[in-house]
Every structure is written in structure tokens, then in C-alpha cells.
Amino acid sequence: MANIQYYDVILKPYITEKSDMNMQENGIYTFLVHPESTKTQIKDAVEKMFDGVKVEKVRTINRQAKVVKRYGRPVGKKAKKKIAMVSLAEGSKEIEIFEA
């Protein structure tokens, strides 16, 4: 596994209708993360990048690469991605990136 620093783990926030409306009210935030990162690396990265945030639980989803087709012929593949759902502990500060 590659040596991944904490600032390389979280690539960007992953915002969908479900994650935006329902999950943030319960203290769950979603991020697009490096495909080779582990749950402990994700937890450490979130706690270091956002002050006053305590992570309780991390769940991950691995999305495999899709074959891109053009008129029935394969042309290439989309990149694989990993999505992390981070649950914050009671009394933790909220992550302000998601506030609009």
C-alpha cells in the first residue's frame, strides 16, 4: 500500500440528495476518499482537517470501475472510487463545508 498522508486521504465532499437532506441532520457526512485509504486513516484525516470534530464511526463503499461504451463498443473505463460515510460523536462540532 502506498504511503498516504492525511491531506491526501479526503479528496472532496460527496453530496447527493440523500446525504444532503437526511444524513447531515443525524451527523453523518459523506466524502470521496483515496481508493487505498483505510478506515483509521479516514478517521484521522477528518479529525485533523476539521477542528473540534470527533469521529465515532466510519463506513466505506468501494465502487468498481465502469466500462464506458460508445455505440456498443468499449472505449475505456471510468475510475474506481471509494466513498466514506463519517458519523460524528455526540457533542462534536459540525463540519462547516456542507453549510450553504
PDB file of N, CA and C in Angstrom:
ATOM      1  N   MET A   1       0.839  -1.176   0.000  1.00  0.00           N
ATOM      2  CA  MET A   1       0.000   0.000   0.000  1.00  0.00           C
ATOM      3  C   MET A   1       0.888   1.244   0.000  1.00  0.00           C
ATOM      4  N   ALA A   2       0.447   2.241  -0.681  1.00  0.00           N
ATOM      5  CA  ALA A   2       1.203   3.486  -0.798  1.00  0.00           C
ATOM      6  C   ALA A   2       1.170   4.249   0.526  1.00  0.00           C
ATOM      7  N   ASN A   3       2.185   5.066   0.740  1.00  0.00           N
ATOM      8  CA  ASN A   3       2.253   5.910   1.917  1.00  0.00           C
ATOM      9  C   ASN A   3       1.377   7.135   1.680  1.00  0.00           C
ATOM     10  N   ILE A   4       0.202   7.161   2.297  1.00  0.00           N
ATOM     11  CA  ILE A   4      -0.775   8.224   2.078  1.00  0.00           C
ATOM     12  C   ILE A   4      -0.774   9.155   3.286  1.00  0.00           C
ATOM     13  N   GLN A   5      -0.599  10.444   3.054  1.00  0.00           N
ATOM     14  CA  GLN A   5      -0.662  11.444   4.116  1.00  0.00           C
ATOM     15  C   GLN A   5      -2.123  11.798   4.375  1.00  0.00           C
ATOM     16  N   TYR A   6      -2.394  12.403   5.547  1.00  0.00           N
ATOM     17  CA  TYR A   6      -3.783  12.691   5.906  1.00  0.00           C
ATOM     18  C   TYR A   6      -4.446  13.678   4.961  1.00  0.00           C
ATOM     19  N   TYR A   7      -3.698  14.594   4.372  1.00  0.00           N
ATOM     20  CA  TYR A   7      -4.293  15.565   3.459  1.00  0.00           C
ATOM     21  C   TYR A   7      -4.544  14.974   2.075  1.00  0.00           C
ATOM     22  N   ASP A   8      -4.034  13.777   1.790  1.00  0.00           N
ATOM     23  CA  ASP A   8      -4.312  13.087   0.529  1.00  0.00           C
ATOM     24  C   ASP A   8      -5.483  12.130   0.636  1.00  0.00           C
ATOM     25  N   VAL A   9      -5.950  11.851   1.840  1.00  0.00           N
ATOM     26  CA  VAL A   9      -6.996  10.849   2.038  1.00  0.00           C
ATOM     27  C   VAL A   9      -8.347  11.365   1.545  1.00  0.00           C
ATOM     28  N   ILE A  10      -8.758  12.544   1.999  1.00  0.00           N
ATOM     29  CA  ILE A  10     -10.057  13.093   1.624  1.00  0.00           C
ATOM     30  C   ILE A  10      -9.891  13.895   0.341  1.00  0.00           C
ATOM     31  N   LEU A  11     -10.583  13.464  -0.710  1.00  0.00           N
ATOM     32  CA  LEU A  11     -10.471  14.148  -1.992  1.00  0.00           C
ATOM     33  C   LEU A  11     -11.461  15.298  -2.102  1.00  0.00           C
ATOM     34  N   LYS A  12     -12.736  15.038  -1.776  1.00  0.00           N
ATOM     35  CA  LYS A  12     -13.748  16.093  -1.812  1.00  0.00           C
ATOM     36  C   LYS A  12     -15.014  15.602  -1.128  1.00  0.00           C
ATOM     37  N   PRO A  13     -15.903  16.520  -0.745  1.00  0.00           N
ATOM     38  CA  PRO A  13     -17.196  16.102  -0.202  1.00  0.00           C
ATOM     39  C   PRO A  13     -18.028  15.443  -1.297  1.00  0.00           C
ATOM     40  N   TYR A  14     -18.799  14.452  -0.915  1.00  0.00           N
ATOM     41  CA  TYR A  14     -19.647  13.726  -1.869  1.00  0.00           C
ATOM     42  C   TYR A  14     -21.089  14.052  -1.510  1.00  0.00           C
ATOM     43  N   ILE A  15     -21.709  14.908  -2.312  1.00  0.00           N
ATOM     44  CA  ILE A  15     -23.032  15.412  -1.972  1.00  0.00           C
ATOM     45  C   ILE A  15     -24.073  14.837  -2.935  1.00  0.00           C
ATOM     46  N   THR A  16     -25.059  14.169  -2.363  1.00  0.00           N
ATOM     47  CA  THR A  16     -26.215  13.681  -3.109  1.00  0.00           C
ATOM     48  C   THR A  16     -27.459  14.155  -2.367  1.00  0.00           C
ATOM     49  N   GLU A  17     -28.627  13.892  -2.930  1.00  0.00           N
ATOM     50  CA  GLU A  17     -29.855  14.306  -2.262  1.00  0.00           C
ATOM     51  C   GLU A  17     -30.009  13.597  -0.920  1.00  0.00           C
ATOM     52  N   LYS A  18     -29.708  12.301  -0.895  1.00  0.00           N
ATOM     53  CA  LYS A  18     -29.855  11.539   0.339  1.00  0.00           C
ATOM     54  C   LYS A  18     -28.864  12.007   1.403  1.00  0.00           C
ATOM     55  N   SER A  19     -27.612  12.188   1.017  1.00  0.00           N
ATOM     56  CA  SER A  19     -26.608  12.587   2.001  1.00  0.00           C
ATOM     57  C   SER A  19     -26.822  14.028   2.456  1.00  0.00           C
ATOM     58  N   ASP A  20     -27.354  14.863   1.598  1.00  0.00           N
ATOM     59  CA  ASP A  20     -27.538  16.263   1.947  1.00  0.00           C
ATOM     60  C   ASP A  20     -28.699  16.457   2.912  1.00  0.00           C
ATOM     61  N   MET A  21     -29.816  15.835   2.647  1.00  0.00           N
ATOM     62  CA  MET A  21     -31.027  16.101   3.419  1.00  0.00           C
ATOM     63  C   MET A  21     -31.092  15.288   4.712  1.00  0.00           C
ATOM     64  N   ASN A  22     -31.051  13.972   4.603  1.00  0.00           N
ATOM     65  CA  ASN A  22     -31.337  13.120   5.751  1.00  0.00           C
ATOM     66  C   ASN A  22     -30.130  12.865   6.644  1.00  0.00           C
ATOM     67  N   MET A  23     -29.003  12.615   6.040  1.00  0.00           N
ATOM     68  CA  MET A  23     -27.874  12.139   6.812  1.00  0.00           C
ATOM     69  C   MET A  23     -27.200  13.244   7.618  1.00  0.00           C
ATOM     70  N   GLN A  24     -27.135  14.465   7.096  1.00  0.00           N
ATOM     71  CA  GLN A  24     -26.458  15.542   7.810  1.00  0.00           C
ATOM     72  C   GLN A  24     -27.205  15.945   9.064  1.00  0.00           C
ATOM     73  N   GLU A  25     -28.504  15.780   9.079  1.00  0.00           N
ATOM     74  CA  GLU A  25     -29.267  16.074  10.283  1.00  0.00           C
ATOM     75  C   GLU A  25     -28.905  15.117  11.413  1.00  0.00           C
ATOM     76  N   ASN A  26     -28.484  13.894  11.044  1.00  0.00           N
ATOM     77  CA  ASN A  26     -28.098  12.890  12.034  1.00  0.00           C
ATOM     78  C   ASN A  26     -26.602  12.889  12.316  1.00  0.00           C
ATOM     79  N   GLY A  27     -25.855  13.821  11.734  1.00  0.00           N
ATOM     80  CA  GLY A  27     -24.421  13.914  11.980  1.00  0.00           C
ATOM     81  C   GLY A  27     -23.593  12.969  11.137  1.00  0.00           C
ATOM     82  N   ILE A  28     -24.086  12.595   9.953  1.00  0.00           N
ATOM     83  CA  ILE A  28     -23.351  11.709   9.050  1.00  0.00           C
ATOM     84  C   ILE A  28     -22.988  12.506   7.803  1.00  0.00           C
ATOM     85  N   TYR A  29     -21.692  12.509   7.458  1.00  0.00           N
ATOM     86  CA  TYR A  29     -21.198  13.252   6.304  1.00  0.00           C
ATOM     87  C   TYR A  29     -20.504  12.284   5.354  1.00  0.00           C
ATOM     88  N   THR A  30     -20.611  12.551   4.050  1.00  0.00           N
ATOM     89  CA  THR A  30     -20.011  11.663   3.053  1.00  0.00           C
ATOM     90  C   THR A  30     -18.870  12.377   2.337  1.00  0.00           C
ATOM     91  N   PHE A  31     -17.809  11.613   2.063  1.00  0.00           N
ATOM     92  CA  PHE A  31     -16.637  12.124   1.383  1.00  0.00           C
ATOM     93  C   PHE A  31     -16.188  11.143   0.318  1.00  0.00           C
ATOM     94  N   LEU A  32     -15.624  11.670  -0.752  1.00  0.00           N
ATOM     95  CA  LEU A  32     -14.929  10.854  -1.739  1.00  0.00           C
ATOM     96  C   LEU A  32     -13.493  10.767  -1.254  1.00  0.00           C
ATOM     97  N   VAL A  33     -12.992   9.545  -1.035  1.00  0.00           N
ATOM     98  CA  VAL A  33     -11.675   9.357  -0.442  1.00  0.00           C
ATOM     99  C   VAL A  33     -10.753   8.589  -1.380  1.00  0.00           C
ATOM    100  N   HIS A  34      -9.481   8.572  -1.048  1.00  0.00           N
ATOM    101  CA  HIS A  34      -8.481   7.842  -1.834  1.00  0.00           C
ATOM    102  C   HIS A  34      -8.840   6.351  -1.825  1.00  0.00           C
ATOM    103  N   PRO A  35      -8.775   5.676  -2.978  1.00  0.00           N
ATOM    104  CA  PRO A  35      -9.204   4.272  -3.043  1.00  0.00           C
ATOM    105  C   PRO A  35      -8.405   3.310  -2.166  1.00  0.00           C
ATOM    106  N   GLU A  36      -7.183   3.658  -1.776  1.00  0.00           N
ATOM    107  CA  GLU A  36      -6.373   2.760  -0.960  1.00  0.00           C
ATOM    108  C   GLU A  36      -6.362   3.146   0.514  1.00  0.00           C
ATOM    109  N   SER A  37      -7.169   4.099   0.916  1.00  0.00           N
ATOM    110  CA  SER A  37      -7.171   4.539   2.309  1.00  0.00           C
ATOM    111  C   SER A  37      -7.972   3.565   3.173  1.00  0.00           C
ATOM    112  N   THR A  38      -7.599   3.499   4.456  1.00  0.00           N
ATOM    113  CA  THR A  38      -8.288   2.633   5.406  1.00  0.00           C
ATOM    114  C   THR A  38      -9.223   3.470   6.276  1.00  0.00           C
ATOM    115  N   LYS A  39     -10.040   2.781   7.074  1.00  0.00           N
ATOM    116  CA  LYS A  39     -10.981   3.494   7.931  1.00  0.00           C
ATOM    117  C   LYS A  39     -10.266   4.329   8.992  1.00  0.00           C
ATOM    118  N   THR A  40      -9.190   3.820   9.539  1.00  0.00           N
ATOM    119  CA  THR A  40      -8.458   4.599  10.547  1.00  0.00           C
ATOM    120  C   THR A  40      -7.789   5.820   9.935  1.00  0.00           C
ATOM    121  N   GLN A  41      -7.298   5.699   8.704  1.00  0.00           N
ATOM    122  CA  GLN A  41      -6.719   6.857   8.030  1.00  0.00           C
ATOM    123  C   GLN A  41      -7.786   7.907   7.750  1.00  0.00           C
ATOM    124  N   ILE A  42      -8.984   7.480   7.375  1.00  0.00           N
ATOM    125  CA  ILE A  42     -10.082   8.409   7.106  1.00  0.00           C
ATOM    126  C   ILE A  42     -10.479   9.124   8.394  1.00  0.00           C
ATOM    127  N   LYS A  43     -10.581   8.376   9.489  1.00  0.00           N
ATOM    128  CA  LYS A  43     -10.940   8.973  10.778  1.00  0.00           C
ATOM    129  C   LYS A  43      -9.908  10.015  11.205  1.00  0.00           C
ATOM    130  N   ASP A  44      -8.636   9.677  11.115  1.00  0.00           N
ATOM    131  CA  ASP A  44      -7.575  10.611  11.489  1.00  0.00           C
ATOM    132  C   ASP A  44      -7.576  11.853  10.598  1.00  0.00           C
ATOM    133  N   ALA A  45      -7.812  11.667   9.303  1.00  0.00           N
ATOM    134  CA  ALA A  45      -7.809  12.795   8.371  1.00  0.00           C
ATOM    135  C   ALA A  45      -8.944  13.765   8.670  1.00  0.00           C
ATOM    136  N   VAL A  46     -10.127  13.256   8.960  1.00  0.00           N
ATOM    137  CA  VAL A  46     -11.273  14.133   9.255  1.00  0.00           C
ATOM    138  C   VAL A  46     -11.026  14.897  10.547  1.00  0.00           C
ATOM    139  N   GLU A  47     -10.493  14.222  11.561  1.00  0.00           N
ATOM    140  CA  GLU A  47     -10.252  14.893  12.838  1.00  0.00           C
ATOM    141  C   GLU A  47      -9.135  15.938  12.740  1.00  0.00           C
ATOM    142  N   LYS A  48      -8.149  15.713  11.866  1.00  0.00           N
ATOM    143  CA  LYS A  48      -7.069  16.688  11.709  1.00  0.00           C
ATOM    144  C   LYS A  48      -7.477  17.859  10.819  1.00  0.00           C
ATOM    145  N   MET A  49      -8.305  17.609   9.810  1.00  0.00           N
ATOM    146  CA  MET A  49      -8.661  18.667   8.866  1.00  0.00           C
ATOM    147  C   MET A  49      -9.724  19.616   9.407  1.00  0.00           C
ATOM    148  N   PHE A  50     -10.617  19.113  10.258  1.00  0.00           N
ATOM    149  CA  PHE A  50     -11.705  19.941  10.792  1.00  0.00           C
ATOM    150  C   PHE A  50     -11.546  20.028  12.309  1.00  0.00           C
ATOM    151  N   ASP A  51     -11.341  21.234  12.814  1.00  0.00           N
ATOM    152  CA  ASP A  51     -11.104  21.434  14.246  1.00  0.00           C
ATOM    153  C   ASP A  51     -12.372  21.168  15.053  1.00  0.00           C
ATOM    154  N   GLY A  52     -12.212  20.492  16.184  1.00  0.00           N
ATOM    155  CA  GLY A  52     -13.319  20.237  17.093  1.00  0.00           C
ATOM    156  C   GLY A  52     -14.233  19.113  16.672  1.00  0.00           C
ATOM    157  N   VAL A  53     -13.863  18.348  15.660  1.00  0.00           N
ATOM    158  CA  VAL A  53     -14.701  17.252  15.168  1.00  0.00           C
ATOM    159  C   VAL A  53     -14.190  15.943  15.747  1.00  0.00           C
ATOM    160  N   LYS A  54     -15.100  15.155  16.331  1.00  0.00           N
ATOM    161  CA  LYS A  54     -14.783  13.833  16.849  1.00  0.00           C
ATOM    162  C   LYS A  54     -15.551  12.805  16.028  1.00  0.00           C
ATOM    163  N   VAL A  55     -14.833  11.866  15.430  1.00  0.00           N
ATOM    164  CA  VAL A  55     -15.452  10.836  14.591  1.00  0.00           C
ATOM    165  C   VAL A  55     -15.767   9.626  15.452  1.00  0.00           C
ATOM    166  N   GLU A  56     -17.012   9.150  15.341  1.00  0.00           N
ATOM    167  CA  GLU A  56     -17.428   7.966  16.083  1.00  0.00           C
ATOM    168  C   GLU A  56     -17.296   6.711  15.235  1.00  0.00           C
ATOM    169  N   LYS A  57     -17.714   6.795  13.963  1.00  0.00           N
ATOM    170  CA  LYS A  57     -17.773   5.603  13.130  1.00  0.00           C
ATOM    171  C   LYS A  57     -17.507   5.988  11.676  1.00  0.00           C
ATOM    172  N   VAL A  58     -16.845   5.085  10.935  1.00  0.00           N
ATOM    173  CA  VAL A  58     -16.577   5.293   9.515  1.00  0.00           C
ATOM    174  C   VAL A  58     -17.059   4.065   8.756  1.00  0.00           C
ATOM    175  N   ARG A  59     -17.876   4.291   7.745  1.00  0.00           N
ATOM    176  CA  ARG A  59     -18.315   3.213   6.850  1.00  0.00           C
ATOM    177  C   ARG A  59     -17.839   3.552   5.443  1.00  0.00           C
ATOM    178  N   THR A  60     -17.419   2.541   4.694  1.00  0.00           N
ATOM    179  CA  THR A  60     -16.888   2.782   3.352  1.00  0.00           C
ATOM    180  C   THR A  60     -17.628   1.956   2.315  1.00  0.00           C
ATOM    181  N   ILE A  61     -17.639   2.478   1.093  1.00  0.00           N
ATOM    182  CA  ILE A  61     -18.230   1.794  -0.062  1.00  0.00           C
ATOM    183  C   ILE A  61     -17.206   1.855  -1.186  1.00  0.00           C
ATOM    184  N   ASN A  62     -16.889   0.709  -1.774  1.00  0.00           N
ATOM    185  CA  ASN A  62     -15.991   0.660  -2.922  1.00  0.00           C
ATOM    186  C   ASN A  62     -16.821   0.543  -4.191  1.00  0.00           C
ATOM    187  N   ARG A  63     -16.684   1.499  -5.083  1.00  0.00           N
ATOM    188  CA  ARG A  63     -17.373   1.461  -6.374  1.00  0.00           C
ATOM    189  C   ARG A  63     -16.370   1.043  -7.433  1.00  0.00           C
ATOM    190  N   GLN A  64     -16.642  -0.044  -8.129  1.00  0.00           N
ATOM    191  CA  GLN A  64     -15.731  -0.553  -9.137  1.00  0.00           C
ATOM    192  C   GLN A  64     -15.777   0.306 -10.394  1.00  0.00           C
ATOM    193  N   ALA A  65     -14.747   0.189 -11.205  1.00  0.00           N
ATOM    194  CA  ALA A  65     -14.658   0.962 -12.445  1.00  0.00           C
ATOM    195  C   ALA A  65     -15.710   0.475 -13.439  1.00  0.00           C
ATOM    196  N   LYS A  66     -16.334   1.400 -14.146  1.00  0.00           N
ATOM    197  CA  LYS A  66     -17.333   1.054 -15.152  1.00  0.00           C
ATOM    198  C   LYS A  66     -16.717   1.155 -16.534  1.00  0.00           C
ATOM    199  N   VAL A  67     -17.149   0.259 -17.422  1.00  0.00           N
ATOM    200  CA  VAL A  67     -16.700   0.308 -18.812  1.00  0.00           C
ATOM    201  C   VAL A  67     -17.550   1.339 -19.543  1.00  0.00           C
ATOM    202  N   VAL A  68     -16.893   2.279 -20.189  1.00  0.00           N
ATOM    203  CA  VAL A  68     -17.586   3.317 -20.941  1.00  0.00           C
ATOM    204  C   VAL A  68     -17.769   2.799 -22.359  1.00  0.00           C
ATOM    205  N   LYS A  69     -19.015   2.769 -22.817  1.00  0.00           N
ATOM    206  CA  LYS A  69     -19.295   2.250 -24.152  1.00  0.00           C
ATOM    207  C   LYS A  69     -19.689   3.385 -25.081  1.00  0.00           C
ATOM    208  N   ARG A  70     -19.387   3.202 -26.319  1.00  0.00           N
ATOM    209  CA  ARG A  70     -19.764   4.162 -27.344  1.00  0.00           C
ATOM    210  C   ARG A  70     -20.270   3.375 -28.538  1.00  0.00           C
ATOM    211  N   TYR A  71     -21.557   3.451 -28.771  1.00  0.00           N
ATOM    212  CA  TYR A  71     -22.202   2.731 -29.856  1.00  0.00           C
ATOM    213  C   TYR A  71     -21.906   1.233 -29.797  1.00  0.00           C
ATOM    214  N   GLY A  72     -21.962   0.658 -28.596  1.00  0.00           N
ATOM    215  CA  GLY A  72     -21.807  -0.773 -28.441  1.00  0.00           C
ATOM    216  C   GLY A  72     -20.372  -1.251 -28.348  1.00  0.00           C
ATOM    217  N   ARG A  73     -19.405  -0.376 -28.498  1.00  0.00           N
ATOM    218  CA  ARG A  73     -18.009  -0.798 -28.440  1.00  0.00           C
ATOM    219  C   ARG A  73     -17.355  -0.197 -27.194  1.00  0.00           C
ATOM    220  N   PRO A  74     -16.629  -0.999 -26.428  1.00  0.00           N
ATOM    221  CA  PRO A  74     -15.953  -0.440 -25.257  1.00  0.00           C
ATOM    222  C   PRO A  74     -14.834   0.523 -25.659  1.00  0.00           C
ATOM    223  N   VAL A  75     -14.788   1.648 -25.006  1.00  0.00           N
ATOM    224  CA  VAL A  75     -13.784   2.658 -25.314  1.00  0.00           C
ATOM    225  C   VAL A  75     -12.771   2.762 -24.182  1.00  0.00           C
ATOM    226  N   GLY A  76     -13.213   2.657 -22.965  1.00  0.00           N
ATOM    227  CA  GLY A  76     -12.316   2.791 -21.827  1.00  0.00           C
ATOM    228  C   GLY A  76     -13.051   2.494 -20.540  1.00  0.00           C
ATOM    229  N   LYS A  77     -12.475   2.897 -19.421  1.00  0.00           N
ATOM    230  CA  LYS A  77     -13.088   2.690 -18.119  1.00  0.00           C
ATOM    231  C   LYS A  77     -13.103   3.992 -17.335  1.00  0.00           C
ATOM    232  N   LYS A  78     -14.168   4.172 -16.546  1.00  0.00           N
ATOM    233  CA  LYS A  78     -14.191   5.262 -15.576  1.00  0.00           C
ATOM    234  C   LYS A  78     -13.372   4.817 -14.368  1.00  0.00           C
ATOM    235  N   ALA A  79     -12.858   5.737 -13.644  1.00  0.00           N
ATOM    236  CA  ALA A  79     -12.026   5.423 -12.491  1.00  0.00           C
ATOM    237  C   ALA A  79     -12.869   4.811 -11.372  1.00  0.00           C
ATOM    238  N   LYS A  80     -12.267   3.896 -10.611  1.00  0.00           N
ATOM    239  CA  LYS A  80     -12.943   3.377  -9.435  1.00  0.00           C
ATOM    240  C   LYS A  80     -12.911   4.445  -8.351  1.00  0.00           C
ATOM    241  N   LYS A  81     -13.876   4.382  -7.443  1.00  0.00           N
ATOM    242  CA  LYS A  81     -13.897   5.367  -6.367  1.00  0.00           C
ATOM    243  C   LYS A  81     -14.325   4.725  -5.070  1.00  0.00           C
ATOM    244  N   LYS A  82     -13.958   5.374  -3.996  1.00  0.00           N
ATOM    245  CA  LYS A  82     -14.293   4.916  -2.661  1.00  0.00           C
ATOM    246  C   LYS A  82     -15.001   6.047  -1.945  1.00  0.00           C
ATOM    247  N   ILE A  83     -16.135   5.732  -1.346  1.00  0.00           N
ATOM    248  CA  ILE A  83     -16.943   6.718  -0.647  1.00  0.00           C
ATOM    249  C   ILE A  83     -16.944   6.366   0.839  1.00  0.00           C
ATOM    250  N   ALA A  84     -16.737   7.365   1.688  1.00  0.00           N
ATOM    251  CA  ALA A  84     -16.735   7.155   3.134  1.00  0.00           C
ATOM    252  C   ALA A  84     -17.880   7.940   3.759  1.00  0.00           C
ATOM    253  N   MET A  85     -18.634   7.263   4.638  1.00  0.00           N
ATOM    254  CA  MET A  85     -19.680   7.911   5.416  1.00  0.00           C
ATOM    255  C   MET A  85     -19.168   8.016   6.850  1.00  0.00           C
ATOM    256  N   VAL A  86     -19.008   9.243   7.314  1.00  0.00           N
ATOM    257  CA  VAL A  86     -18.399   9.513   8.611  1.00  0.00           C
ATOM    258  C   VAL A  86     -19.483   9.955   9.581  1.00  0.00           C
ATOM    259  N   SER A  87     -19.632   9.211  10.690  1.00  0.00           N
ATOM    260  CA  SER A  87     -20.579   9.574  11.741  1.00  0.00           C
ATOM    261  C   SER A  87     -19.833  10.327  12.828  1.00  0.00           C
ATOM    262  N   LEU A  88     -20.376  11.463  13.233  1.00  0.00           N
ATOM    263  CA  LEU A  88     -19.742  12.265  14.273  1.00  0.00           C
ATOM    264  C   LEU A  88     -20.273  11.867  15.641  1.00  0.00           C
ATOM    265  N   ALA A  89     -19.433  12.023  16.662  1.00  0.00           N
ATOM    266  CA  ALA A  89     -19.799  11.678  18.031  1.00  0.00           C
ATOM    267  C   ALA A  89     -20.715  12.750  18.623  1.00  0.00           C
ATOM    268  N   GLU A  90     -21.367  12.390  19.721  1.00  0.00           N
ATOM    269  CA  GLU A  90     -22.229  13.334  20.438  1.00  0.00           C
ATOM    270  C   GLU A  90     -21.388  14.494  20.963  1.00  0.00           C
ATOM    271  N   GLY A  91     -21.878  15.699  20.825  1.00  0.00           N
ATOM    272  CA  GLY A  91     -21.176  16.879  21.317  1.00  0.00           C
ATOM    273  C   GLY A  91     -20.074  17.372  20.402  1.00  0.00           C
ATOM    274  N   SER A  92     -19.899  16.752  19.256  1.00  0.00           N
ATOM    275  CA  SER A  92     -18.876  17.170  18.312  1.00  0.00           C
ATOM    276  C   SER A  92     -19.375  18.366  17.505  1.00  0.00           C
ATOM    277  N   LYS A  93     -18.438  19.191  17.053  1.00  0.00           N
ATOM    278  CA  LYS A  93     -18.816  20.299  16.181  1.00  0.00           C
ATOM    279  C   LYS A  93     -19.235  19.765  14.817  1.00  0.00           C
ATOM    280  N   GLU A  94     -20.088  20.504  14.126  1.00  0.00           N
ATOM    281  CA  GLU A  94     -20.485  20.120  12.786  1.00  0.00           C
ATOM    282  C   GLU A  94     -19.425  20.540  11.786  1.00  0.00           C
ATOM    283  N   ILE A  95     -19.397  19.869  10.638  1.00  0.00           N
ATOM    284  CA  ILE A  95     -18.458  20.215   9.594  1.00  0.00           C
ATOM    285  C   ILE A  95     -19.080  21.336   8.766  1.00  0.00           C
ATOM    286  N   GLU A  96     -18.390  22.462   8.657  1.00  0.00           N
ATOM    287  CA  GLU A  96     -18.961  23.665   8.076  1.00  0.00           C
ATOM    288  C   GLU A  96     -18.850  23.735   6.556  1.00  0.00           C
ATOM    289  N   ILE A  97     -18.168  22.791   5.936  1.00  0.00           N
ATOM    290  CA  ILE A  97     -18.078  22.771   4.470  1.00  0.00           C
ATOM    291  C   ILE A  97     -19.454  22.603   3.855  1.00  0.00           C
ATOM    292  N   PHE A  98     -20.300  21.820   4.517  1.00  0.00           N
ATOM    293  CA  PHE A  98     -21.582  21.460   3.950  1.00  0.00           C
ATOM    294  C   PHE A  98     -22.648  22.511   4.170  1.00  0.00           C
ATOM    295  N   GLU A  99     -22.389  23.503   4.987  1.00  0.00           N
ATOM    296  CA  GLU A  99     -23.362  24.561   5.230  1.00  0.00           C
ATOM    297  C   GLU A  99     -23.416  25.486   4.023  1.00  0.00           C
ATOM    298  N   ALA A 100     -24.609  25.766   3.559  1.00  0.00           N
ATOM    299  CA  ALA A 100     -24.766  26.634   2.387  1.00  0.00           C
ATOM    300  C   ALA A 100     -25.433  27.935   2.756  1.00  0.00           C
TER     301      ALA A 100
END
